[in-house]
Amino acid sequence: MGRRRCMVLHKDDDVAVLLEDGQLDDWIEAGGTKVGLKAPVPRFHKVALRRIAAGETVRKVGEAIGVATRSIEAGEHVHVQNLKSQLSGAPHNPQSG
């Protein structure tokens, strides 16, 4: 269990970007918040800094990047398994999944 380097790109971000591979029980510290990783997370992927409710907007670089498709716990990998991207510019439709 060790500290992994990460980067938060904006003060309003819900996620940090790992700068090195992380393993279960490694931890990150960002903006005074310490979060334990819930599973392995590859380098340059996102980790939730707080609990994010299903349907909630997720922010990176201070901008909405998508909507949580299920509840995401602090320390979880944030990726296609739990985030519906809004980066294409298409509006989010909760009825479409």
Protein backbone atom coordinates (compact mmCIF):
# COMPACT_ATOMS: atom_id res chain seq x y z
CA MET A 1 0.00 0.00 0.00
CA GLY A 2 1.60 3.22 -1.12
CA ARG A 3 0.91 6.72 -2.21
CA ARG A 4 0.44 7.18 -5.95
CA ARG A 5 1.07 10.45 -7.75
CA CYS A 6 -1.97 12.13 -9.25
CA MET A 7 -3.05 15.45 -10.70
CA VAL A 8 -6.24 17.44 -10.24
CA LEU A 9 -6.65 19.79 -13.16
CA HIS A 10 -9.22 22.21 -11.68
CA LYS A 11 -10.45 23.02 -8.18
CA ASP A 12 -14.01 21.91 -9.09
CA ASP A 13 -12.99 18.49 -10.44
CA ASP A 14 -14.63 15.33 -9.10
CA VAL A 15 -11.74 13.17 -10.30
CA ALA A 16 -7.96 13.01 -10.15
CA VAL A 17 -5.79 11.62 -12.95
CA LEU A 18 -3.24 9.01 -11.86
CA LEU A 19 0.31 9.68 -13.03
CA GLU A 20 1.36 6.09 -12.37
CA ASP A 21 -0.41 2.72 -12.13
CA GLY A 22 -2.32 2.24 -8.90
CA GLN A 23 -3.20 -0.98 -7.07
CA LEU A 24 -5.91 -1.95 -4.60
CA ASP A 25 -5.31 -0.13 -1.29
CA ASP A 26 -2.82 2.36 -2.76
CA TRP A 27 -3.90 5.91 -2.01
CA ILE A 28 -3.84 9.36 -3.51
CA GLU A 29 -3.93 12.78 -1.93
CA ALA A 30 -5.40 15.76 -3.75
CA GLY A 31 -6.48 19.11 -2.39
CA GLY A 32 -6.19 17.88 1.18
CA THR A 33 -8.35 14.82 0.46
CA LYS A 34 -6.82 11.36 0.94
CA VAL A 35 -8.58 8.57 -0.97
CA GLY A 36 -7.82 4.83 -1.05
CA LEU A 37 -8.05 3.05 -4.41
CA LYS A 38 -10.82 0.43 -4.55
CA ALA A 39 -9.18 -1.57 -7.37
CA PRO A 40 -6.23 -1.36 -9.76
CA VAL A 41 -6.34 1.80 -11.90
CA PRO A 42 -4.09 2.31 -14.94
CA ARG A 43 -1.81 5.30 -15.28
CA PHE A 44 -3.53 8.36 -16.83
CA HIS A 45 -7.01 7.12 -15.84
CA LYS A 46 -9.45 8.90 -13.54
CA VAL A 47 -10.20 8.16 -9.86
CA ALA A 48 -13.23 9.56 -8.02
CA LEU A 49 -12.26 11.99 -5.26
CA ARG A 50 -15.68 11.75 -3.61
CA ARG A 51 -18.86 9.69 -3.80
CA ILE A 52 -20.70 10.51 -7.03
CA ALA A 53 -24.39 9.60 -7.20
CA ALA A 54 -25.96 7.86 -10.20
CA GLY A 55 -27.10 10.50 -12.70
CA GLU A 56 -24.74 13.15 -11.32
CA THR A 57 -22.51 15.16 -13.65
CA VAL A 58 -18.78 14.34 -13.39
CA ARG A 59 -16.26 17.15 -13.85
CA LYS A 60 -12.66 17.10 -15.08
CA VAL A 61 -10.70 20.23 -16.05
CA GLY A 62 -13.59 22.14 -14.48
CA GLU A 63 -15.95 20.95 -17.24
CA ALA A 64 -18.68 18.32 -17.40
CA ILE A 65 -17.26 15.20 -19.05
CA GLY A 66 -20.20 12.89 -18.48
CA VAL A 67 -22.86 11.50 -16.20
CA ALA A 68 -22.42 8.70 -13.68
CA THR A 69 -24.40 5.67 -14.87
CA ARG A 70 -24.32 4.23 -11.33
CA SER A 71 -23.12 5.32 -7.93
CA ILE A 72 -19.32 5.73 -7.86
CA GLU A 73 -17.49 5.54 -4.54
CA ALA A 74 -14.47 7.68 -3.67
CA GLY A 75 -11.37 5.82 -4.88
CA GLU A 76 -13.13 4.01 -7.73
CA HIS A 77 -11.86 3.99 -11.30
CA VAL A 78 -14.05 6.37 -13.35
CA HIS A 79 -14.31 5.09 -16.90
CA VAL A 80 -16.76 3.58 -19.42
CA GLN A 81 -18.11 1.07 -16.87
CA ASN A 82 -19.66 3.86 -14.77
CA LEU A 83 -19.59 7.05 -16.87
CA LYS A 84 -21.59 8.04 -19.94
CA SER A 85 -19.53 10.57 -21.86
CA GLN A 86 -20.96 13.92 -22.88
CA LEU A 87 -17.83 15.02 -24.70
CA SER A 88 -19.40 14.47 -28.12
CA GLY A 89 -21.68 17.43 -27.50
CA ALA A 90 -24.81 15.28 -27.56
CA PRO A 91 -27.23 16.08 -24.74
CA HIS A 92 -27.64 13.46 -22.02
CA ASN A 93 -30.89 11.50 -22.23
CA PRO A 94 -31.51 9.54 -19.00
CA GLN A 95 -34.06 7.38 -20.83
CA SER A 96 -31.40 6.03 -23.24
CA GLY A 97 -29.23 4.55 -20.49
